[in-house]
């Protein structure tokens, strides 16, 4: 009998909390099928009332509008005083962010050093 390995998601998400900084690392593709998992991590981070949300996006290859909706949700959920940093955003993802004007609501960085 043959078994095939199936990939449940095309997105790996890691949440780390350090003091008042919540860091979420995204690897893969953020689309309608994976956005709910990302939203869940944002909700978990928001419970701890961080002052900064750092999104490590160097290995995020694609982001659909569903992912953008979660970013908007994060901004609303965490409040106006929380700074959101997007680190290492690749061109296809950056294009989505800038077309909508969301780049004006966050800090875009090439590198992040806590």
N, C-alpha and C. Protein backbone atom coordinates (compact mmCIF):
# COMPACT_ATOMS: atom_id res chain seq x y z
N UNK A 1 0.84 -1.17 0.00
CA UNK A 1 0.00 0.00 0.00
C UNK A 1 0.89 1.24 0.00
N UNK A 2 0.60 2.18 -0.87
CA UNK A 2 1.36 3.42 -0.98
C UNK A 2 0.69 4.53 -0.18
N UNK A 3 1.50 5.31 0.50
CA UNK A 3 1.00 6.47 1.21
C UNK A 3 1.59 7.71 0.58
N UNK A 4 0.76 8.70 0.37
CA UNK A 4 1.24 9.96 -0.16
C UNK A 4 1.23 10.99 0.96
N UNK A 5 2.29 11.73 1.01
CA UNK A 5 2.36 12.79 2.00
C UNK A 5 1.59 13.99 1.45
N UNK A 6 0.65 14.47 2.22
CA UNK A 6 -0.11 15.64 1.78
C UNK A 6 0.25 16.82 2.66
N UNK A 7 0.35 17.92 2.04
CA UNK A 7 0.68 19.14 2.75
C UNK A 7 -0.63 19.83 3.12
N UNK A 8 -0.85 20.03 4.41
CA UNK A 8 -2.10 20.61 4.86
C UNK A 8 -2.19 22.09 4.51
N UNK A 9 -1.06 22.76 4.54
CA UNK A 9 -1.06 24.18 4.23
C UNK A 9 0.21 24.56 3.48
N UNK A 10 0.12 25.61 2.72
CA UNK A 10 1.28 26.12 2.02
C UNK A 10 1.91 27.29 2.76
N UNK A 11 1.53 27.44 4.04
CA UNK A 11 2.04 28.54 4.84
C UNK A 11 2.48 28.03 6.20
N UNK A 12 3.70 28.36 6.57
CA UNK A 12 4.20 28.07 7.91
C UNK A 12 4.18 29.38 8.69
N UNK A 13 3.64 29.32 9.90
CA UNK A 13 3.51 30.50 10.73
C UNK A 13 4.12 30.21 12.10
N UNK A 14 4.99 31.11 12.55
CA UNK A 14 5.60 30.97 13.86
C UNK A 14 5.38 32.26 14.63
N UNK A 15 4.86 32.14 15.84
CA UNK A 15 4.65 33.29 16.71
C UNK A 15 5.63 33.22 17.87
N UNK A 16 6.37 34.32 18.08
CA UNK A 16 7.29 34.43 19.21
C UNK A 16 6.96 35.71 19.96
N UNK A 17 6.96 35.64 21.27
CA UNK A 17 6.71 36.80 22.11
C UNK A 17 7.97 37.07 22.93
N UNK A 18 8.42 38.32 22.91
CA UNK A 18 9.57 38.71 23.70
C UNK A 18 9.29 40.09 24.28
N UNK A 19 8.99 40.12 25.56
CA UNK A 19 8.64 41.39 26.20
C UNK A 19 7.37 41.95 25.59
N UNK A 20 7.45 43.15 25.06
CA UNK A 20 6.28 43.77 24.45
C UNK A 20 6.31 43.69 22.92
N UNK A 21 7.07 42.72 22.40
CA UNK A 21 7.18 42.54 20.96
C UNK A 21 6.62 41.17 20.58
N UNK A 22 5.67 41.18 19.65
CA UNK A 22 5.15 39.94 19.07
C UNK A 22 5.74 39.81 17.68
N UNK A 23 6.38 38.69 17.42
CA UNK A 23 7.00 38.48 16.11
C UNK A 23 6.35 37.27 15.45
N UNK A 24 5.83 37.49 14.26
CA UNK A 24 5.23 36.41 13.48
C UNK A 24 6.04 36.22 12.21
N UNK A 25 6.52 35.00 12.01
CA UNK A 25 7.28 34.66 10.81
C UNK A 25 6.35 33.91 9.86
N UNK A 26 6.32 34.37 8.61
CA UNK A 26 5.47 33.77 7.58
C UNK A 26 6.35 33.19 6.48
N UNK A 27 6.13 31.92 6.16
CA UNK A 27 6.91 31.25 5.12
C UNK A 27 5.93 30.53 4.19
N UNK A 28 5.99 30.88 2.91
CA UNK A 28 5.13 30.21 1.93
C UNK A 28 4.19 31.17 1.25
N UNK A 29 2.91 30.76 1.18
CA UNK A 29 1.90 31.55 0.48
C UNK A 29 0.73 31.85 1.40
N UNK A 30 0.36 33.11 1.46
CA UNK A 30 -0.76 33.57 2.29
C UNK A 30 -1.94 33.84 1.36
N UNK A 31 -2.90 32.94 1.40
CA UNK A 31 -4.07 33.07 0.53
C UNK A 31 -5.33 32.73 1.32
N UNK A 32 -6.44 32.56 0.62
CA UNK A 32 -7.72 32.31 1.30
C UNK A 32 -7.68 31.04 2.15
N UNK A 33 -6.92 30.05 1.71
CA UNK A 33 -6.89 28.78 2.45
C UNK A 33 -6.01 28.84 3.69
N UNK A 34 -5.12 29.83 3.79
CA UNK A 34 -4.20 29.91 4.92
C UNK A 34 -4.42 31.15 5.79
N UNK A 35 -5.25 32.07 5.34
CA UNK A 35 -5.44 33.34 6.05
C UNK A 35 -6.02 33.14 7.45
N UNK A 36 -6.89 32.16 7.63
CA UNK A 36 -7.50 31.93 8.95
C UNK A 36 -6.45 31.54 9.98
N UNK A 37 -5.45 30.76 9.57
CA UNK A 37 -4.37 30.39 10.49
C UNK A 37 -3.56 31.62 10.91
N UNK A 38 -3.31 32.50 9.95
CA UNK A 38 -2.59 33.74 10.23
C UNK A 38 -3.42 34.61 11.18
N UNK A 39 -4.72 34.70 10.93
CA UNK A 39 -5.59 35.50 11.79
C UNK A 39 -5.57 34.97 13.22
N UNK A 40 -5.56 33.66 13.37
CA UNK A 40 -5.52 33.05 14.69
C UNK A 40 -4.24 33.48 15.44
N UNK A 41 -3.12 33.49 14.74
CA UNK A 41 -1.85 33.88 15.38
C UNK A 41 -1.87 35.36 15.76
N UNK A 42 -2.48 36.18 14.92
CA UNK A 42 -2.62 37.61 15.24
C UNK A 42 -3.47 37.78 16.51
N UNK A 43 -4.55 37.02 16.60
CA UNK A 43 -5.41 37.09 17.78
C UNK A 43 -4.65 36.67 19.03
N UNK A 44 -3.85 35.60 18.92
CA UNK A 44 -3.05 35.14 20.06
C UNK A 44 -2.06 36.22 20.49
N UNK A 45 -1.41 36.86 19.52
CA UNK A 45 -0.46 37.92 19.82
C UNK A 45 -1.17 39.11 20.47
N UNK A 46 -2.34 39.46 19.97
CA UNK A 46 -3.08 40.62 20.48
C UNK A 46 -3.49 40.45 21.94
N UNK A 47 -3.71 39.22 22.37
CA UNK A 47 -4.09 38.96 23.76
C UNK A 47 -3.03 39.45 24.75
N UNK A 48 -1.79 39.52 24.30
CA UNK A 48 -0.68 39.89 25.17
C UNK A 48 -0.38 41.39 25.13
N UNK A 49 -1.19 42.14 24.41
CA UNK A 49 -1.05 43.59 24.31
C UNK A 49 0.37 44.06 23.99
N UNK A 50 0.93 43.59 22.87
CA UNK A 50 2.28 44.02 22.52
C UNK A 50 2.29 45.48 22.06
N UNK A 51 3.46 46.10 22.13
CA UNK A 51 3.63 47.46 21.61
C UNK A 51 4.09 47.43 20.15
N UNK A 52 4.63 46.28 19.75
CA UNK A 52 5.09 46.12 18.37
C UNK A 52 4.66 44.75 17.85
N UNK A 53 4.23 44.74 16.60
CA UNK A 53 4.00 43.49 15.88
C UNK A 53 4.99 43.47 14.73
N UNK A 54 5.87 42.49 14.75
CA UNK A 54 6.90 42.37 13.73
C UNK A 54 6.55 41.17 12.85
N UNK A 55 6.36 41.44 11.57
CA UNK A 55 6.04 40.38 10.62
C UNK A 55 7.27 40.09 9.78
N UNK A 56 7.84 38.93 9.99
CA UNK A 56 9.03 38.51 9.23
C UNK A 56 8.53 37.88 7.93
N UNK A 57 8.75 38.57 6.81
CA UNK A 57 8.13 38.18 5.55
C UNK A 57 9.14 37.86 4.45
N UNK A 58 10.39 37.62 4.82
CA UNK A 58 11.43 37.36 3.84
C UNK A 58 11.12 36.15 2.96
N UNK A 59 10.43 35.17 3.53
CA UNK A 59 10.15 33.93 2.80
C UNK A 59 8.67 33.78 2.48
N UNK A 60 7.94 34.90 2.51
CA UNK A 60 6.55 34.88 2.08
C UNK A 60 6.54 35.19 0.58
N UNK A 61 6.18 34.19 -0.22
CA UNK A 61 6.28 34.29 -1.67
C UNK A 61 5.07 34.95 -2.31
N UNK A 62 3.93 34.87 -1.64
CA UNK A 62 2.68 35.35 -2.26
C UNK A 62 1.70 35.75 -1.17
N UNK A 63 0.95 36.82 -1.42
CA UNK A 63 -0.10 37.21 -0.51
C UNK A 63 -1.32 37.64 -1.33
N UNK A 64 -2.43 36.96 -1.11
CA UNK A 64 -3.69 37.30 -1.76
C UNK A 64 -4.44 38.33 -0.92
N UNK A 65 -5.55 38.78 -1.43
CA UNK A 65 -6.35 39.79 -0.72
C UNK A 65 -6.80 39.28 0.65
N UNK A 66 -6.97 37.98 0.81
CA UNK A 66 -7.34 37.42 2.12
C UNK A 66 -6.26 37.71 3.15
N UNK A 67 -5.03 37.66 2.75
CA UNK A 67 -3.92 37.98 3.64
C UNK A 67 -3.91 39.45 4.00
N UNK A 68 -4.21 40.28 3.03
CA UNK A 68 -4.29 41.72 3.28
C UNK A 68 -5.40 42.04 4.27
N UNK A 69 -6.51 41.34 4.17
CA UNK A 69 -7.61 41.54 5.12
C UNK A 69 -7.16 41.21 6.55
N UNK A 70 -6.32 40.18 6.70
CA UNK A 70 -5.83 39.84 8.05
C UNK A 70 -4.88 40.93 8.55
N UNK A 71 -4.09 41.52 7.66
CA UNK A 71 -3.21 42.63 8.07
C UNK A 71 -4.04 43.81 8.56
N UNK A 72 -5.11 44.11 7.85
CA UNK A 72 -6.01 45.20 8.26
C UNK A 72 -6.65 44.86 9.61
N UNK A 73 -7.07 43.60 9.75
CA UNK A 73 -7.62 43.12 11.01
C UNK A 73 -6.61 43.31 12.14
N UNK A 74 -5.34 42.96 11.87
CA UNK A 74 -4.28 43.09 12.89
C UNK A 74 -4.15 44.54 13.33
N UNK A 75 -4.17 45.45 12.38
CA UNK A 75 -4.05 46.88 12.69
C UNK A 75 -5.21 47.33 13.57
N UNK A 76 -6.41 46.89 13.25
CA UNK A 76 -7.59 47.26 14.02
C UNK A 76 -7.59 46.58 15.40
N UNK A 77 -7.27 45.30 15.43
CA UNK A 77 -7.32 44.51 16.66
C UNK A 77 -6.31 45.00 17.70
N UNK A 78 -5.12 45.36 17.23
CA UNK A 78 -4.06 45.74 18.15
C UNK A 78 -4.13 47.21 18.55
N UNK A 79 -4.80 48.02 17.77
CA UNK A 79 -4.96 49.42 18.11
C UNK A 79 -3.95 50.33 17.45
N UNK A 80 -4.26 51.60 17.45
CA UNK A 80 -3.46 52.59 16.74
C UNK A 80 -2.07 52.78 17.33
N UNK A 81 -1.90 52.47 18.62
CA UNK A 81 -0.60 52.70 19.27
C UNK A 81 0.43 51.61 18.98
N UNK A 82 -0.02 50.48 18.45
CA UNK A 82 0.89 49.37 18.18
C UNK A 82 1.54 49.59 16.81
N UNK A 83 2.86 49.55 16.81
CA UNK A 83 3.59 49.71 15.55
C UNK A 83 3.71 48.35 14.88
N UNK A 84 3.40 48.31 13.59
CA UNK A 84 3.51 47.08 12.82
C UNK A 84 4.67 47.23 11.84
N UNK A 85 5.62 46.31 11.97
CA UNK A 85 6.79 46.29 11.10
C UNK A 85 6.68 45.10 10.16
N UNK A 86 6.92 45.34 8.89
CA UNK A 86 6.95 44.27 7.90
C UNK A 86 8.38 44.19 7.39
N UNK A 87 9.01 43.05 7.62
CA UNK A 87 10.44 42.92 7.36
C UNK A 87 10.70 42.02 6.16
N UNK A 88 11.52 42.52 5.23
CA UNK A 88 11.96 41.73 4.09
C UNK A 88 10.86 41.37 3.11
N UNK A 89 9.95 42.30 2.89
CA UNK A 89 8.81 42.02 2.01
C UNK A 89 9.30 41.87 0.57
N UNK A 90 8.95 40.76 -0.06
CA UNK A 90 9.33 40.50 -1.44
C UNK A 90 8.45 41.30 -2.40
N UNK A 91 8.96 41.55 -3.58
CA UNK A 91 8.27 42.41 -4.55
C UNK A 91 6.82 42.02 -4.84
N UNK A 92 6.49 40.74 -5.09
CA UNK A 92 5.07 40.43 -5.37
C UNK A 92 4.14 40.77 -4.21
N UNK A 93 4.62 40.59 -2.99
CA UNK A 93 3.82 40.90 -1.80
C UNK A 93 3.78 42.42 -1.60
N UNK A 94 4.90 43.07 -1.81
CA UNK A 94 4.98 44.52 -1.67
C UNK A 94 4.03 45.22 -2.64
N UNK A 95 3.93 44.67 -3.82
CA UNK A 95 3.02 45.24 -4.83
C UNK A 95 1.58 45.24 -4.33
N UNK A 96 1.17 44.13 -3.72
CA UNK A 96 -0.18 44.03 -3.16
C UNK A 96 -0.38 45.07 -2.06
N UNK A 97 0.61 45.23 -1.22
CA UNK A 97 0.52 46.15 -0.09
C UNK A 97 0.47 47.61 -0.56
N UNK A 98 1.30 47.95 -1.54
CA UNK A 98 1.34 49.34 -2.00
C UNK A 98 0.15 49.71 -2.87
N UNK A 99 -0.36 48.79 -3.64
CA UNK A 99 -1.53 49.09 -4.48
C UNK A 99 -2.73 49.51 -3.65
N UNK A 100 -2.82 48.97 -2.44
CA UNK A 100 -3.96 49.27 -1.58
C UNK A 100 -3.69 50.45 -0.65
N UNK A 101 -2.45 50.90 -0.59
CA UNK A 101 -2.10 52.00 0.31
C UNK A 101 -1.80 51.55 1.73
N UNK A 102 -1.83 50.24 1.98
CA UNK A 102 -1.59 49.75 3.34
C UNK A 102 -0.17 50.05 3.81
N UNK A 103 0.75 50.23 2.87
CA UNK A 103 2.13 50.53 3.24
C UNK A 103 2.25 51.83 4.05
N UNK A 104 1.23 52.68 3.97
CA UNK A 104 1.25 53.94 4.73
C UNK A 104 0.89 53.72 6.20
N UNK A 105 0.38 52.53 6.51
CA UNK A 105 -0.06 52.22 7.87
C UNK A 105 0.95 51.38 8.65
N UNK A 106 2.04 50.98 8.00
CA UNK A 106 3.03 50.10 8.62
C UNK A 106 4.43 50.62 8.33
N UNK A 107 5.40 50.00 8.97
CA UNK A 107 6.80 50.32 8.72
C UNK A 107 7.40 49.19 7.90
N UNK A 108 7.94 49.50 6.74
CA UNK A 108 8.59 48.50 5.89
C UNK A 108 10.09 48.56 6.13
N UNK A 109 10.66 47.42 6.49
CA UNK A 109 12.10 47.34 6.80
C UNK A 109 12.76 46.24 5.98
N UNK A 110 14.01 46.44 5.63
CA UNK A 110 14.78 45.38 4.97
C UNK A 110 15.24 44.35 5.99
N UNK A 111 15.63 44.85 7.18
CA UNK A 111 16.12 43.99 8.26
C UNK A 111 15.49 44.45 9.56
N UNK A 112 15.44 43.54 10.52
CA UNK A 112 14.91 43.89 11.84
C UNK A 112 15.89 43.45 12.90
N UNK A 113 16.18 44.36 13.80
CA UNK A 113 17.05 44.06 14.93
C UNK A 113 16.36 44.59 16.19
N UNK A 114 15.88 43.67 17.00
CA UNK A 114 15.14 44.06 18.22
C UNK A 114 16.03 44.85 19.14
